[in-house]
Amino acid sequence: MHYKKYKTILSAGFSANSGMNIYRGCTHGCIYCDSRSKCYQMDHDFEDIEIKENAPEMLLAELRKKRARCMIGTGAMCDPYIPLEKEIQHTRRCLEHLDRLGFGATVITKSDLVLRDLDLLQSINSKTKCVVQMTLTTYDDDLCRILEPNVCLTSRRFEVLCQLRDAGIPTVVWFSPFLPFINDNEENLRGLLDYCEEAQVRGIIFYGVGMTLREGNREYYYAKLDKHFPGLRGKYEKKYRNSYSIVSPHNEALSKFVYSECQRRGIMCGTKKVFAYLNKFEDKLLGDQYSLF
């Protein structure tokens, strides 16, 4: 790990009105991670975590400049609950600022460390809205150990979703990615949907059955295919060549299955609907005033 000071932290966010990345890089080791792509111009090894040294202070200063409270998100590029967060606690300090100033929050994570901050999540949610977004890719824990080797298993993430449900925290699940010839099958999707239904998730973000590959993460992914799925790399190269969008041969049928099952189970599905929900700021304490100073 290493530290670096930044001048700004908030930017326009696709799953919140403003987004921030508290860290750069990740140690989860997910074999498909798009954040490894060279287009993001990371000038250090991906596993050499860059800690934004002044992240909480920058956030506080930028929140005070906002004309109105809104949803603030984190985790789009780098998980805010990587193991280093146990020691650094930047994510917790940022949540404390959001809580004190009355902003809404949404975090994207694969880690059960999010439960450490349940007190803050509940406090934010009591005044406005706090949503935890969690990625689920495979129902099979053995396969999860290969695809996402350094983060808690899918079954544990399901337990976290249930604990958040019981604590009154709304949740959204990312159904992504589904790797062609690996986890792109109805059995896997049905198992994940069962988890989502039992955990009473509010919505599922679903882009179809497939993944993305571009320079940087493509090479890493293919190396992992060679190690764990011998011969599969050649199948990818023949079918997809250097395509960015890698669509499963079963995409059409499985997408229909996901949407029909979500409708039957009463789960909101579709990026437009779910992002609209995530972006909507709610004031549960109408008339109360928050000091931005």
C-alpha atoms as a PDB file:
ATOM      1  CA  MET A   1       0.000   0.000   0.000  1.00  0.00           C
ATOM      2  CA  HIS A   2       0.975   3.618  -0.388  1.00  0.00           C
ATOM      3  CA  TYR A   3      -0.530   7.024   0.353  1.00  0.00           C
ATOM      4  CA  LYS A   4      -1.287   9.882  -2.014  1.00  0.00           C
ATOM      5  CA  LYS A   5      -2.985  13.215  -1.484  1.00  0.00           C
ATOM      6  CA  TYR A   6      -5.754  14.240  -3.873  1.00  0.00           C
ATOM      7  CA  LYS A   7      -7.362  17.597  -4.653  1.00  0.00           C
ATOM      8  CA  THR A   8     -10.925  16.316  -5.181  1.00  0.00           C
ATOM      9  CA  ILE A   9     -12.897  13.186  -4.367  1.00  0.00           C
ATOM     10  CA  LEU A  10     -16.496  13.565  -5.594  1.00  0.00           C
ATOM     11  CA  SER A  11     -17.530  13.063  -9.193  1.00  0.00           C
ATOM     12  CA  ALA A  12     -20.760  12.355 -11.055  1.00  0.00           C
ATOM     13  CA  GLY A  13     -21.896   8.859 -10.102  1.00  0.00           C
ATOM     14  CA  PHE A  14     -24.053   6.419 -12.073  1.00  0.00           C
ATOM     15  CA  SER A  15     -25.561   4.820  -8.960  1.00  0.00           C
ATOM     16  CA  ALA A  16     -25.796   8.004  -6.902  1.00  0.00           C
ATOM     17  CA  ASN A  17     -25.907  11.757  -7.480  1.00  0.00           C
ATOM     18  CA  SER A  18     -22.195  11.940  -6.635  1.00  0.00           C
ATOM     19  CA  GLY A  19     -19.626   9.162  -6.400  1.00  0.00           C
ATOM     20  CA  MET A  20     -16.254   8.705  -4.756  1.00  0.00           C
ATOM     21  CA  ASN A  21     -13.477   6.147  -4.705  1.00  0.00           C
ATOM     22  CA  ILE A  22     -11.709   6.148  -1.359  1.00  0.00           C
ATOM     23  CA  TYR A  23      -9.029   3.698  -2.478  1.00  0.00           C
ATOM     24  CA  ARG A  24      -7.453   2.824  -5.825  1.00  0.00           C
ATOM     25  CA  GLY A  25      -6.711  -0.815  -6.504  1.00  0.00           C
ATOM     26  CA  CYS A  26      -8.047  -3.950  -4.869  1.00  0.00           C
ATOM     27  CA  THR A  27      -6.888  -7.198  -3.275  1.00  0.00           C
ATOM     28  CA  HIS A  28     -10.072  -9.242  -3.794  1.00  0.00           C
ATOM     29  CA  GLY A  29      -8.399 -10.966  -6.764  1.00  0.00           C
ATOM     30  CA  CYS A  30     -11.577 -11.347  -8.875  1.00  0.00           C
ATOM     31  CA  ILE A  31     -10.399 -12.864 -12.143  1.00  0.00           C
ATOM     32  CA  TYR A  32     -12.766 -10.762 -14.297  1.00  0.00           C
ATOM     33  CA  CYS A  33     -12.224  -7.298 -12.748  1.00  0.00           C
ATOM     34  CA  ASP A  34     -12.702  -4.485 -15.277  1.00  0.00           C
ATOM     35  CA  SER A  35     -10.944  -2.019 -12.963  1.00  0.00           C
ATOM     36  CA  ARG A  36      -7.638  -3.577 -14.075  1.00  0.00           C
ATOM     37  CA  SER A  37      -8.174  -2.135 -17.558  1.00  0.00           C
ATOM     38  CA  LYS A  38      -5.429   0.182 -18.802  1.00  0.00           C
ATOM     39  CA  CYS A  39      -7.962   2.847 -19.745  1.00  0.00           C
ATOM     40  CA  TYR A  40      -8.195   3.820 -16.075  1.00  0.00           C
ATOM     41  CA  GLN A  41      -4.532   4.859 -16.169  1.00  0.00           C
ATOM     42  CA  MET A  42      -3.518   3.396 -12.838  1.00  0.00           C
ATOM     43  CA  ASP A  43       0.184   4.103 -12.434  1.00  0.00           C
ATOM     44  CA  HIS A  44       0.831   1.414  -9.815  1.00  0.00           C
ATOM     45  CA  ASP A  45       0.268  -2.320  -9.444  1.00  0.00           C
ATOM     46  CA  PHE A  46      -3.412  -3.093  -8.976  1.00  0.00           C
ATOM     47  CA  GLU A  47      -2.787  -4.933  -5.683  1.00  0.00           C
ATOM     48  CA  ASP A  48      -0.605  -2.073  -4.385  1.00  0.00           C
ATOM     49  CA  ILE A  49      -3.490  -0.159  -2.843  1.00  0.00           C
ATOM     50  CA  GLU A  50      -3.329   3.595  -3.195  1.00  0.00           C
ATOM     51  CA  ILE A  51      -4.895   5.187  -0.128  1.00  0.00           C
ATOM     52  CA  LYS A  52      -6.315   8.641  -0.681  1.00  0.00           C
ATOM     53  CA  GLU A  53      -4.676  10.082   2.399  1.00  0.00           C
ATOM     54  CA  ASN A  54      -7.008  13.049   2.813  1.00  0.00           C
ATOM     55  CA  ALA A  55     -10.218  11.377   1.582  1.00  0.00           C
ATOM     56  CA  PRO A  56     -12.432  12.129   4.634  1.00  0.00           C
ATOM     57  CA  GLU A  57     -11.250  15.741   4.816  1.00  0.00           C
ATOM     58  CA  MET A  58     -11.829  16.272   1.079  1.00  0.00           C
ATOM     59  CA  LEU A  59     -15.291  14.768   1.332  1.00  0.00           C
ATOM     60  CA  LEU A  60     -16.272  17.041   4.218  1.00  0.00           C
ATOM     61  CA  ALA A  61     -15.087  20.130   2.347  1.00  0.00           C
ATOM     62  CA  GLU A  62     -16.918  19.172  -0.855  1.00  0.00           C
ATOM     63  CA  LEU A  63     -20.143  18.280   0.945  1.00  0.00           C
ATOM     64  CA  ARG A  64     -20.185  21.723   2.548  1.00  0.00           C
ATOM     65  CA  LYS A  65     -20.071  23.298  -0.917  1.00  0.00           C
ATOM     66  CA  LYS A  66     -23.150  21.454  -2.177  1.00  0.00           C
ATOM     67  CA  ARG A  67     -26.315  23.496  -2.476  1.00  0.00           C
ATOM     68  CA  ALA A  68     -28.565  20.585  -1.569  1.00  0.00           C
ATOM     69  CA  ARG A  69     -28.267  17.205   0.055  1.00  0.00           C
ATOM     70  CA  CYS A  70     -28.237  14.192  -2.257  1.00  0.00           C
ATOM     71  CA  MET A  71     -27.166  10.555  -2.530  1.00  0.00           C
ATOM     72  CA  ILE A  72     -23.417   9.901  -2.279  1.00  0.00           C
ATOM     73  CA  GLY A  73     -22.087   6.591  -3.554  1.00  0.00           C
ATOM     74  CA  THR A  74     -18.841   4.665  -3.277  1.00  0.00           C
ATOM     75  CA  GLY A  75     -17.491   1.391  -4.620  1.00  0.00           C
ATOM     76  CA  ALA A  76     -18.007   1.750  -8.373  1.00  0.00           C
ATOM     77  CA  MET A  77     -14.307   1.239  -9.108  1.00  0.00           C
ATOM     78  CA  CYS A  78     -12.746   0.026  -5.866  1.00  0.00           C
ATOM     79  CA  ASP A  79     -14.450  -1.797  -3.005  1.00  0.00           C
ATOM     80  CA  PRO A  80     -14.623   0.529   0.020  1.00  0.00           C
ATOM     81  CA  TYR A  81     -14.342  -2.482   2.332  1.00  0.00           C
ATOM     82  CA  ILE A  82     -11.060  -4.022   1.243  1.00  0.00           C
ATOM     83  CA  PRO A  83      -9.159  -5.561   4.197  1.00  0.00           C
ATOM     84  CA  LEU A  84      -7.063  -2.397   4.658  1.00  0.00           C
ATOM     85  CA  GLU A  85     -10.230  -0.566   5.679  1.00  0.00           C
ATOM     86  CA  LYS A  86     -10.121  -2.407   9.026  1.00  0.00           C
ATOM     87  CA  GLU A  87      -7.009  -0.402   9.875  1.00  0.00           C
ATOM     88  CA  ILE A  88      -7.400   2.798   7.839  1.00  0.00           C
ATOM     89  CA  GLN A  89     -11.140   3.356   8.489  1.00  0.00           C
ATOM     90  CA  HIS A  90     -11.484   5.961   5.748  1.00  0.00           C
ATOM     91  CA  THR A  91     -14.830   4.522   4.660  1.00  0.00           C
ATOM     92  CA  ARG A  92     -16.201   4.733   8.175  1.00  0.00           C
ATOM     93  CA  ARG A  93     -15.028   8.315   8.593  1.00  0.00           C
ATOM     94  CA  CYS A  94     -16.633   9.263   5.277  1.00  0.00           C
ATOM     95  CA  LEU A  95     -19.910   7.673   6.378  1.00  0.00           C
ATOM     96  CA  GLU A  96     -19.718   9.658   9.600  1.00  0.00           C
ATOM     97  CA  HIS A  97     -19.583  12.890   7.577  1.00  0.00           C
ATOM     98  CA  LEU A  98     -22.551  11.809   5.445  1.00  0.00           C
ATOM     99  CA  ASP A  99     -24.501  10.929   8.566  1.00  0.00           C
ATOM    100  CA  ARG A 100     -23.761  14.178  10.387  1.00  0.00           C
ATOM    101  CA  LEU A 101     -24.585  16.378   7.384  1.00  0.00           C
ATOM    102  CA  GLY A 102     -27.726  14.471   6.408  1.00  0.00           C
ATOM    103  CA  PHE A 103     -26.658  13.087   3.038  1.00  0.00           C
ATOM    104  CA  GLY A 104     -27.896   9.769   1.687  1.00  0.00           C
ATOM    105  CA  ALA A 105     -25.436   6.944   1.021  1.00  0.00           C
ATOM    106  CA  THR A 106     -25.030   3.892  -1.128  1.00  0.00           C
ATOM    107  CA  VAL A 107     -22.055   1.532  -1.067  1.00  0.00           C
ATOM    108  CA  ILE A 108     -21.076  -1.253  -3.456  1.00  0.00           C
ATOM    109  CA  THR A 109     -19.148  -4.111  -1.855  1.00  0.00           C
ATOM    110  CA  LYS A 110     -18.484  -7.841  -1.783  1.00  0.00           C
ATOM    111  CA  SER A 111     -17.237  -7.775   1.799  1.00  0.00           C
ATOM    112  CA  ASP A 112     -18.912  -8.660   5.086  1.00  0.00           C
ATOM    113  CA  LEU A 113     -16.834  -5.872   6.674  1.00  0.00           C
ATOM    114  CA  VAL A 114     -19.749  -3.610   5.771  1.00  0.00           C
ATOM    115  CA  LEU A 115     -21.511  -4.974   8.867  1.00  0.00           C
ATOM    116  CA  ARG A 116     -18.937  -3.216  11.062  1.00  0.00           C
ATOM    117  CA  ASP A 117     -20.592   0.066  10.090  1.00  0.00           C
ATOM    118  CA  LEU A 118     -24.166  -1.091  10.615  1.00  0.00           C
ATOM    119  CA  ASP A 119     -24.678   1.583  13.271  1.00  0.00           C
ATOM    120  CA  LEU A 120     -23.856   4.340  10.779  1.00  0.00           C
ATOM    121  CA  LEU A 121     -25.865   2.749   7.975  1.00  0.00           C
ATOM    122  CA  GLN A 122     -28.917   2.628  10.244  1.00  0.00           C
ATOM    123  CA  SER A 123     -28.403   6.196  11.413  1.00  0.00           C
ATOM    124  CA  ILE A 124     -28.196   7.490   7.840  1.00  0.00           C
ATOM    125  CA  ASN A 125     -31.187   5.397   6.797  1.00  0.00           C
ATOM    126  CA  SER A 126     -33.279   6.734   9.678  1.00  0.00           C
ATOM    127  CA  LYS A 127     -32.928  10.258   8.305  1.00  0.00           C
ATOM    128  CA  THR A 128     -32.729   9.711   4.563  1.00  0.00           C
ATOM    129  CA  LYS A 129     -31.766   6.608   2.602  1.00  0.00           C
ATOM    130  CA  CYS A 130     -28.833   4.233   2.853  1.00  0.00           C
ATOM    131  CA  VAL A 131     -28.560   1.373   0.364  1.00  0.00           C
ATOM    132  CA  VAL A 132     -25.985  -1.422   0.361  1.00  0.00           C
ATOM    133  CA  GLN A 133     -25.280  -2.867  -3.068  1.00  0.00           C
ATOM    134  CA  MET A 134     -23.688  -6.307  -3.195  1.00  0.00           C
ATOM    135  CA  THR A 135     -22.340  -8.239  -6.168  1.00  0.00           C
ATOM    136  CA  LEU A 136     -23.365 -11.863  -6.656  1.00  0.00           C
ATOM    137  CA  THR A 137     -21.928 -13.844  -9.553  1.00  0.00           C
ATOM    138  CA  THR A 138     -22.082 -17.522  -8.655  1.00  0.00           C
ATOM    139  CA  TYR A 139     -24.250 -19.632  -6.366  1.00  0.00           C
ATOM    140  CA  ASP A 140     -21.507 -22.273  -6.155  1.00  0.00           C
ATOM    141  CA  ASP A 141     -19.091 -21.456  -3.307  1.00  0.00           C
ATOM    142  CA  ASP A 142     -16.396 -23.711  -4.778  1.00  0.00           C
ATOM    143  CA  LEU A 143     -16.534 -21.778  -8.032  1.00  0.00           C
ATOM    144  CA  CYS A 144     -16.616 -18.531  -6.059  1.00  0.00           C
ATOM    145  CA  ARG A 145     -13.263 -19.462  -4.508  1.00  0.00           C
ATOM    146  CA  ILE A 146     -11.816 -19.491  -8.033  1.00  0.00           C
ATOM    147  CA  LEU A 147     -13.555 -16.452  -9.492  1.00  0.00           C
ATOM    148  CA  GLU A 148     -13.293 -14.228  -6.379  1.00  0.00           C
ATOM    149  CA  PRO A 149     -10.530 -15.820  -4.290  1.00  0.00           C
ATOM    150  CA  ASN A 150      -9.812 -13.196  -1.629  1.00  0.00           C
ATOM    151  CA  VAL A 151     -13.280 -12.069  -0.597  1.00  0.00           C
ATOM    152  CA  CYS A 152     -16.091 -13.667   1.383  1.00  0.00           C
ATOM    153  CA  LEU A 153     -18.043 -16.436  -0.320  1.00  0.00           C
ATOM    154  CA  THR A 154     -21.425 -15.960  -1.954  1.00  0.00           C
ATOM    155  CA  SER A 155     -23.130 -17.853   0.882  1.00  0.00           C
ATOM    156  CA  ARG A 156     -21.613 -15.393   3.358  1.00  0.00           C
ATOM    157  CA  ARG A 157     -22.739 -12.435   1.241  1.00  0.00           C
ATOM    158  CA  PHE A 158     -26.237 -13.879   1.364  1.00  0.00           C
ATOM    159  CA  GLU A 159     -25.996 -13.930   5.167  1.00  0.00           C
ATOM    160  CA  VAL A 160     -24.899 -10.289   5.090  1.00  0.00           C
ATOM    161  CA  LEU A 161     -27.887  -9.377   2.915  1.00  0.00           C
ATOM    162  CA  CYS A 162     -30.187 -11.091   5.412  1.00  0.00           C
ATOM    163  CA  GLN A 163     -28.603  -9.244   8.338  1.00  0.00           C
ATOM    164  CA  LEU A 164     -29.051  -5.953   6.489  1.00  0.00           C
ATOM    165  CA  ARG A 165     -32.677  -6.894   5.810  1.00  0.00           C
ATOM    166  CA  ASP A 166     -33.248  -7.555   9.495  1.00  0.00           C
ATOM    167  CA  ALA A 167     -31.598  -4.223  10.347  1.00  0.00           C
ATOM    168  CA  GLY A 168     -33.926  -2.355   8.001  1.00  0.00           C
ATOM    169  CA  ILE A 169     -31.241  -1.457   5.454  1.00  0.00           C
ATOM    170  CA  PRO A 170     -32.445  -1.668   1.823  1.00  0.00           C
ATOM    171  CA  THR A 171     -30.229  -3.680  -0.515  1.00  0.00           C
ATOM    172  CA  VAL A 172     -29.614  -3.988  -4.243  1.00  0.00           C
ATOM    173  CA  VAL A 173     -27.754  -6.842  -5.925  1.00  0.00           C
ATOM    174  CA  TRP A 174     -25.523  -6.632  -8.989  1.00  0.00           C
ATOM    175  CA  PHE A 175     -26.044  -9.682 -11.219  1.00  0.00           C
ATOM    176  CA  SER A 176     -22.716  -9.340 -12.962  1.00  0.00           C
ATOM    177  CA  PRO A 177     -20.633 -10.681 -14.540  1.00  0.00           C
ATOM    178  CA  PHE A 178     -21.687 -14.044 -15.920  1.00  0.00           C
ATOM    179  CA  LEU A 179     -18.724 -15.662 -17.612  1.00  0.00           C
ATOM    180  CA  PRO A 180     -19.472 -17.594 -20.811  1.00  0.00           C
ATOM    181  CA  PHE A 181     -19.088 -21.364 -20.418  1.00  0.00           C
ATOM    182  CA  ILE A 182     -18.474 -20.984 -16.654  1.00  0.00           C
ATOM    183  CA  ASN A 183     -21.418 -19.573 -14.693  1.00  0.00           C
ATOM    184  CA  ASP A 184     -23.869 -18.660 -17.472  1.00  0.00           C
ATOM    185  CA  ASN A 185     -26.529 -21.253 -16.739  1.00  0.00           C
ATOM    186  CA  GLU A 186     -30.057 -21.336 -15.370  1.00  0.00           C
ATOM    187  CA  GLU A 187     -29.131 -23.355 -12.286  1.00  0.00           C
ATOM    188  CA  ASN A 188     -26.716 -20.653 -11.180  1.00  0.00           C
ATOM    189  CA  LEU A 189     -29.165 -17.829 -11.850  1.00  0.00           C
ATOM    190  CA  ARG A 190     -31.979 -19.610 -10.056  1.00  0.00           C
ATOM    191  CA  GLY A 191     -29.815 -20.133  -6.969  1.00  0.00           C
ATOM    192  CA  LEU A 192     -28.866 -16.450  -6.878  1.00  0.00           C
ATOM    193  CA  LEU A 193     -32.487 -15.394  -7.373  1.00  0.00           C
ATOM    194  CA  ASP A 194     -33.511 -17.613  -4.453  1.00  0.00           C
ATOM    195  CA  TYR A 195     -30.947 -15.798  -2.305  1.00  0.00           C
ATOM    196  CA  CYS A 196     -32.255 -12.399  -3.444  1.00  0.00           C
ATOM    197  CA  GLU A 197     -35.865 -13.320  -2.764  1.00  0.00           C
ATOM    198  CA  GLU A 198     -35.147 -14.613   0.728  1.00  0.00           C
ATOM    199  CA  ALA A 199     -33.013 -11.575   1.560  1.00  0.00           C
ATOM    200  CA  GLN A 200     -35.805  -9.315   0.264  1.00  0.00           C
ATOM    201  CA  VAL A 201     -33.508  -7.235  -1.912  1.00  0.00           C
ATOM    202  CA  ARG A 202     -35.157  -4.164  -3.414  1.00  0.00           C
ATOM    203  CA  GLY A 203     -33.735  -4.573  -6.884  1.00  0.00           C
ATOM    204  CA  ILE A 204     -31.316  -6.346  -9.196  1.00  0.00           C
ATOM    205  CA  ILE A 205     -28.972  -4.519 -11.565  1.00  0.00           C
ATOM    206  CA  PHE A 206     -28.739  -6.732 -14.626  1.00  0.00           C
ATOM    207  CA  TYR A 207     -27.013  -5.964 -17.927  1.00  0.00           C
ATOM    208  CA  GLY A 208     -27.623  -9.330 -19.509  1.00  0.00           C
ATOM    209  CA  VAL A 209     -25.587 -12.513 -19.378  1.00  0.00           C
ATOM    210  CA  GLY A 210     -21.980 -11.795 -20.237  1.00  0.00           C
ATOM    211  CA  MET A 211     -18.964  -9.726 -19.254  1.00  0.00           C
ATOM    212  CA  THR A 212     -16.520  -7.138 -20.570  1.00  0.00           C
ATOM    213  CA  LEU A 213     -12.905  -7.564 -21.588  1.00  0.00           C
ATOM    214  CA  ARG A 214     -10.440  -4.909 -22.640  1.00  0.00           C
ATOM    215  CA  GLU A 215      -6.721  -4.317 -22.536  1.00  0.00           C
ATOM    216  CA  GLY A 216      -5.393  -4.925 -19.069  1.00  0.00           C
ATOM    217  CA  ASN A 217      -8.115  -7.126 -17.644  1.00  0.00           C
ATOM    218  CA  ARG A 218      -8.289  -9.362 -20.751  1.00  0.00           C
ATOM    219  CA  GLU A 219      -4.720 -10.571 -20.285  1.00  0.00           C
ATOM    220  CA  TYR A 220      -5.231 -11.157 -16.574  1.00  0.00           C
ATOM    221  CA  TYR A 221      -8.472 -13.038 -17.182  1.00  0.00           C
ATOM    222  CA  TYR A 222      -6.976 -15.267 -19.862  1.00  0.00           C
ATOM    223  CA  ALA A 223      -4.056 -16.154 -17.585  1.00  0.00           C
ATOM    224  CA  LYS A 224      -6.568 -17.254 -14.934  1.00  0.00           C
ATOM    225  CA  LEU A 225      -8.487 -19.286 -17.521  1.00  0.00           C
ATOM    226  CA  ASP A 226      -5.256 -21.089 -18.404  1.00  0.00           C
ATOM    227  CA  LYS A 227      -4.714 -21.898 -14.736  1.00  0.00           C
ATOM    228  CA  HIS A 228      -8.221 -22.921 -13.698  1.00  0.00           C
ATOM    229  CA  PHE A 229     -10.024 -23.831 -16.947  1.00  0.00           C
ATOM    230  CA  PRO A 230      -7.433 -25.292 -19.352  1.00  0.00           C
ATOM    231  CA  GLY A 231      -8.470 -24.994 -22.992  1.00  0.00           C
ATOM    232  CA  LEU A 232     -11.206 -22.411 -22.428  1.00  0.00           C
ATOM    233  CA  ARG A 233      -9.041 -19.480 -23.469  1.00  0.00           C
ATOM    234  CA  GLY A 234      -8.900 -20.769 -27.032  1.00  0.00           C
ATOM    235  CA  LYS A 235     -12.676 -20.967 -27.116  1.00  0.00           C
ATOM    236  CA  TYR A 236     -12.904 -17.325 -26.060  1.00  0.00           C
ATOM    237  CA  GLU A 237     -10.302 -16.161 -28.577  1.00  0.00           C
ATOM    238  CA  LYS A 238     -12.044 -17.968 -31.417  1.00  0.00           C
ATOM    239  CA  LYS A 239     -15.539 -16.717 -30.566  1.00  0.00           C
ATOM    240  CA  TYR A 240     -14.875 -13.202 -29.252  1.00  0.00           C
ATOM    241  CA  ARG A 241     -11.439 -12.192 -30.587  1.00  0.00           C
ATOM    242  CA  ASN A 242     -10.718  -8.746 -29.075  1.00  0.00           C
ATOM    243  CA  SER A 243     -14.318  -7.732 -28.453  1.00  0.00           C
ATOM    244  CA  TYR A 244     -15.104  -5.518 -25.470  1.00  0.00           C
ATOM    245  CA  SER A 245     -18.577  -6.924 -24.945  1.00  0.00           C
ATOM    246  CA  ILE A 246     -18.515 -10.679 -24.301  1.00  0.00           C
ATOM    247  CA  VAL A 247     -22.076 -11.959 -24.606  1.00  0.00           C
ATOM    248  CA  SER A 248     -23.016 -15.475 -23.520  1.00  0.00           C
ATOM    249  CA  PRO A 249     -24.474 -17.752 -26.211  1.00  0.00           C
ATOM    250  CA  HIS A 250     -27.366 -18.222 -23.775  1.00  0.00           C
ATOM    251  CA  ASN A 251     -27.938 -14.509 -23.158  1.00  0.00           C
ATOM    252  CA  GLU A 252     -31.353 -14.182 -24.774  1.00  0.00           C
ATOM    253  CA  ALA A 253     -32.965 -17.153 -23.047  1.00  0.00           C
ATOM    254  CA  LEU A 254     -31.358 -16.474 -19.661  1.00  0.00           C
ATOM    255  CA  SER A 255     -32.214 -12.770 -19.756  1.00  0.00           C
ATOM    256  CA  LYS A 256     -35.875 -13.610 -20.316  1.00  0.00           C
ATOM    257  CA  PHE A 257     -35.628 -16.031 -17.420  1.00  0.00           C
ATOM    258  CA  VAL A 258     -34.163 -13.390 -15.078  1.00  0.00           C
ATOM    259  CA  TYR A 259     -36.751 -10.727 -15.923  1.00  0.00           C
ATOM    260  CA  SER A 260     -39.698 -13.128 -15.685  1.00  0.00           C
ATOM    261  CA  GLU A 261     -38.455 -14.518 -12.364  1.00  0.00           C
ATOM    262  CA  CYS A 262     -37.921 -11.043 -10.925  1.00  0.00           C
ATOM    263  CA  GLN A 263     -41.456 -10.077 -11.911  1.00  0.00           C
ATOM    264  CA  ARG A 264     -42.849 -13.255 -10.373  1.00  0.00           C
ATOM    265  CA  ARG A 265     -40.867 -12.774  -7.147  1.00  0.00           C
ATOM    266  CA  GLY A 266     -41.636  -9.060  -6.843  1.00  0.00           C
ATOM    267  CA  ILE A 267     -38.042  -7.876  -7.286  1.00  0.00           C
ATOM    268  CA  MET A 268     -37.368  -4.654  -9.191  1.00  0.00           C
ATOM    269  CA  CYS A 269     -35.122  -5.400 -12.185  1.00  0.00           C
ATOM    270  CA  GLY A 270     -33.603  -3.275 -14.915  1.00  0.00           C
ATOM    271  CA  THR A 271     -30.874  -0.672 -14.735  1.00  0.00           C
ATOM    272  CA  LYS A 272     -33.132   2.336 -15.408  1.00  0.00           C
ATOM    273  CA  LYS A 273     -35.553   1.531 -12.581  1.00  0.00           C
ATOM    274  CA  VAL A 274     -32.919   0.517 -10.061  1.00  0.00           C
ATOM    275  CA  PHE A 275     -30.597   3.464 -10.742  1.00  0.00           C
ATOM    276  CA  ALA A 276     -33.570   5.837 -10.427  1.00  0.00           C
ATOM    277  CA  TYR A 277     -34.219   4.338  -7.000  1.00  0.00           C
ATOM    278  CA  LEU A 278     -30.572   4.631  -5.982  1.00  0.00           C
ATOM    279  CA  ASN A 279     -30.372   8.239  -7.141  1.00  0.00           C
ATOM    280  CA  LYS A 280     -33.529   9.420  -5.396  1.00  0.00           C
ATOM    281  CA  PHE A 281     -32.748  11.347  -2.244  1.00  0.00           C
ATOM    282  CA  GLU A 282     -35.361  10.923   0.481  1.00  0.00           C
ATOM    283  CA  ASP A 283     -35.861  13.196   3.468  1.00  0.00           C
ATOM    284  CA  LYS A 284     -37.462  11.268   6.325  1.00  0.00           C
ATOM    285  CA  LEU A 285     -37.172  14.185   8.716  1.00  0.00           C
ATOM    286  CA  LEU A 286     -39.009  16.885   6.815  1.00  0.00           C
ATOM    287  CA  GLY A 287     -38.623  20.241   8.475  1.00  0.00           C
ATOM    288  CA  ASP A 288     -35.445  19.321  10.331  1.00  0.00           C
ATOM    289  CA  GLN A 289     -32.391  21.376   9.470  1.00  0.00           C
ATOM    290  CA  TYR A 290     -28.885  20.060   8.949  1.00  0.00           C
ATOM    291  CA  SER A 291     -25.799  22.188   9.322  1.00  0.00           C
ATOM    292  CA  LEU A 292     -23.348  21.892   6.470  1.00  0.00           C
ATOM    293  CA  PHE A 293     -20.730  23.730   8.505  1.00  0.00           C
END
